[in-house]
Amino acid sequence: MSDKKGTGLKSVVLSALSAAFGVQKRANLERDFQQGKPAHYIIAGIVGTLLFVLILISVVHVVIQNT
Protein backbone atom coordinates (compact mmCIF):
# COMPACT_ATOMS: atom_id res chain seq x y z
CA MET A 1 0.00 0.00 0.00
CA SER A 2 1.16 3.52 -0.70
CA ASP A 3 1.99 6.26 1.78
CA LYS A 4 -0.82 8.39 0.35
CA LYS A 5 -3.53 5.93 1.44
CA GLY A 6 -6.36 7.68 3.18
CA THR A 7 -5.89 11.17 1.74
CA GLY A 8 -8.29 10.89 -1.18
CA LEU A 9 -11.54 12.79 -1.64
CA LYS A 10 -13.60 10.17 0.19
CA SER A 11 -11.25 10.19 3.15
CA VAL A 12 -11.22 13.98 3.37
CA VAL A 13 -15.02 14.19 3.24
CA LEU A 14 -15.45 11.44 5.85
CA SER A 15 -12.86 13.05 8.12
CA ALA A 16 -14.53 16.46 7.82
CA LEU A 17 -17.95 14.95 8.60
CA SER A 18 -16.57 12.99 11.54
CA ALA A 19 -14.88 16.08 12.91
CA ALA A 20 -18.08 18.10 12.52
CA PHE A 21 -19.94 15.59 14.69
CA GLY A 22 -16.99 15.14 17.06
CA VAL A 23 -16.70 11.37 16.56
CA GLN A 24 -13.44 10.99 14.66
CA LYS A 25 -11.09 8.18 15.73
CA ARG A 26 -7.64 9.08 17.05
CA ALA A 27 -5.94 7.02 14.31
CA ASN A 28 -7.79 8.92 11.58
CA LEU A 29 -6.95 12.24 13.22
CA GLU A 30 -3.26 11.36 13.32
CA ARG A 31 -3.35 10.17 9.70
CA ASP A 32 -4.98 13.42 8.62
CA PHE A 33 -2.32 15.52 10.34
CA GLN A 34 0.56 13.42 9.02
CA GLN A 35 -0.53 12.84 5.41
CA GLY A 36 -3.30 15.29 4.58
CA LYS A 37 -3.07 18.81 3.24
CA PRO A 38 -4.75 21.44 5.41
CA ALA A 39 -6.30 23.18 2.39
CA HIS A 40 -8.27 20.04 1.51
CA TYR A 41 -9.81 19.85 4.98
CA ILE A 42 -10.53 23.59 5.09
CA ILE A 43 -12.32 23.42 1.73
CA ALA A 44 -14.27 20.33 2.81
CA GLY A 45 -15.30 22.10 6.01
CA ILE A 46 -16.44 25.22 4.17
CA VAL A 47 -18.40 23.23 1.57
CA GLY A 48 -19.97 21.07 4.28
CA THR A 49 -20.97 24.13 6.29
CA LEU A 50 -22.49 25.82 3.24
CA LEU A 51 -24.47 22.69 2.39
CA PHE A 52 -25.71 22.44 5.98
CA VAL A 53 -26.84 26.08 5.99
CA LEU A 54 -28.56 25.74 2.60
CA ILE A 55 -30.41 22.63 3.77
CA LEU A 56 -31.57 24.44 6.93
CA ILE A 57 -32.76 27.42 4.90
CA SER A 58 -34.63 25.10 2.54
CA VAL A 59 -36.31 23.21 5.39
CA VAL A 60 -37.37 26.46 7.08
CA HIS A 61 -38.69 27.79 3.77
CA VAL A 62 -40.78 24.64 3.20
CA VAL A 63 -42.13 24.69 6.77
CA ILE A 64 -43.08 28.36 6.55
CA GLN A 65 -44.87 27.85 3.23
CA ASN A 66 -46.90 24.94 4.64
CA THR A 67 -48.22 26.89 7.65
C-alpha atoms as a PDB file:
ATOM      1  CA  MET A   1       0.000   0.000   0.000  1.00  0.00           C
ATOM      2  CA  SER A   2       1.163   3.518  -0.699  1.00  0.00           C
ATOM      3  CA  ASP A   3       1.994   6.264   1.782  1.00  0.00           C
ATOM      4  CA  LYS A   4      -0.817   8.388   0.347  1.00  0.00           C
ATOM      5  CA  LYS A   5      -3.534   5.932   1.441  1.00  0.00           C
ATOM      6  CA  GLY A   6      -6.360   7.684   3.182  1.00  0.00           C
ATOM      7  CA  THR A   7      -5.890  11.171   1.738  1.00  0.00           C
ATOM      8  CA  GLY A   8      -8.289  10.891  -1.183  1.00  0.00           C
ATOM      9  CA  LEU A   9     -11.539  12.785  -1.639  1.00  0.00           C
ATOM     10  CA  LYS A  10     -13.601  10.166   0.186  1.00  0.00           C
ATOM     11  CA  SER A  11     -11.251  10.185   3.153  1.00  0.00           C
ATOM     12  CA  VAL A  12     -11.218  13.980   3.367  1.00  0.00           C
ATOM     13  CA  VAL A  13     -15.019  14.186   3.238  1.00  0.00           C
ATOM     14  CA  LEU A  14     -15.448  11.443   5.847  1.00  0.00           C
ATOM     15  CA  SER A  15     -12.861  13.045   8.120  1.00  0.00           C
ATOM     16  CA  ALA A  16     -14.534  16.455   7.822  1.00  0.00           C
ATOM     17  CA  LEU A  17     -17.954  14.951   8.602  1.00  0.00           C
ATOM     18  CA  SER A  18     -16.571  12.992  11.542  1.00  0.00           C
ATOM     19  CA  ALA A  19     -14.879  16.077  12.911  1.00  0.00           C
ATOM     20  CA  ALA A  20     -18.080  18.103  12.522  1.00  0.00           C
ATOM     21  CA  PHE A  21     -19.942  15.588  14.687  1.00  0.00           C
ATOM     22  CA  GLY A  22     -16.992  15.136  17.055  1.00  0.00           C
ATOM     23  CA  VAL A  23     -16.703  11.370  16.563  1.00  0.00           C
ATOM     24  CA  GLN A  24     -13.436  10.992  14.663  1.00  0.00           C
ATOM     25  CA  LYS A  25     -11.090   8.180  15.726  1.00  0.00           C
ATOM     26  CA  ARG A  26      -7.640   9.075  17.052  1.00  0.00           C
ATOM     27  CA  ALA A  27      -5.937   7.015  14.310  1.00  0.00           C
ATOM     28  CA  ASN A  28      -7.787   8.922  11.581  1.00  0.00           C
ATOM     29  CA  LEU A  29      -6.953  12.238  13.217  1.00  0.00           C
ATOM     30  CA  GLU A  30      -3.257  11.356  13.318  1.00  0.00           C
ATOM     31  CA  ARG A  31      -3.351  10.167   9.696  1.00  0.00           C
ATOM     32  CA  ASP A  32      -4.984  13.419   8.621  1.00  0.00           C
ATOM     33  CA  PHE A  33      -2.320  15.516  10.342  1.00  0.00           C
ATOM     34  CA  GLN A  34       0.560  13.420   9.018  1.00  0.00           C
ATOM     35  CA  GLN A  35      -0.529  12.838   5.412  1.00  0.00           C
ATOM     36  CA  GLY A  36      -3.305  15.292   4.577  1.00  0.00           C
ATOM     37  CA  LYS A  37      -3.075  18.810   3.237  1.00  0.00           C
ATOM     38  CA  PRO A  38      -4.749  21.444   5.410  1.00  0.00           C
ATOM     39  CA  ALA A  39      -6.304  23.178   2.393  1.00  0.00           C
ATOM     40  CA  HIS A  40      -8.272  20.036   1.511  1.00  0.00           C
ATOM     41  CA  TYR A  41      -9.812  19.849   4.984  1.00  0.00           C
ATOM     42  CA  ILE A  42     -10.534  23.586   5.085  1.00  0.00           C
ATOM     43  CA  ILE A  43     -12.317  23.423   1.726  1.00  0.00           C
ATOM     44  CA  ALA A  44     -14.269  20.330   2.808  1.00  0.00           C
ATOM     45  CA  GLY A  45     -15.303  22.104   6.007  1.00  0.00           C
ATOM     46  CA  ILE A  46     -16.445  25.218   4.166  1.00  0.00           C
ATOM     47  CA  VAL A  47     -18.397  23.228   1.570  1.00  0.00           C
ATOM     48  CA  GLY A  48     -19.973  21.069   4.282  1.00  0.00           C
ATOM     49  CA  THR A  49     -20.973  24.129   6.291  1.00  0.00           C
ATOM     50  CA  LEU A  50     -22.487  25.816   3.238  1.00  0.00           C
ATOM     51  CA  LEU A  51     -24.472  22.690   2.389  1.00  0.00           C
ATOM     52  CA  PHE A  52     -25.712  22.437   5.978  1.00  0.00           C
ATOM     53  CA  VAL A  53     -26.843  26.080   5.993  1.00  0.00           C
ATOM     54  CA  LEU A  54     -28.558  25.743   2.600  1.00  0.00           C
ATOM     55  CA  ILE A  55     -30.409  22.632   3.771  1.00  0.00           C
ATOM     56  CA  LEU A  56     -31.565  24.437   6.927  1.00  0.00           C
ATOM     57  CA  ILE A  57     -32.756  27.420   4.904  1.00  0.00           C
ATOM     58  CA  SER A  58     -34.633  25.095   2.538  1.00  0.00           C
ATOM     59  CA  VAL A  59     -36.312  23.207   5.390  1.00  0.00           C
ATOM     60  CA  VAL A  60     -37.367  26.455   7.083  1.00  0.00           C
ATOM     61  CA  HIS A  61     -38.686  27.794   3.774  1.00  0.00           C
ATOM     62  CA  VAL A  62     -40.777  24.640   3.201  1.00  0.00           C
ATOM     63  CA  VAL A  63     -42.132  24.687   6.768  1.00  0.00           C
ATOM     64  CA  ILE A  64     -43.081  28.365   6.554  1.00  0.00           C
ATOM     65  CA  GLN A  65     -44.872  27.849   3.229  1.00  0.00           C
ATOM     66  CA  ASN A  66     -46.899  24.938   4.639  1.00  0.00           C
ATOM     67  CA  THR A  67     -48.219  26.886   7.645  1.00  0.00           C
END
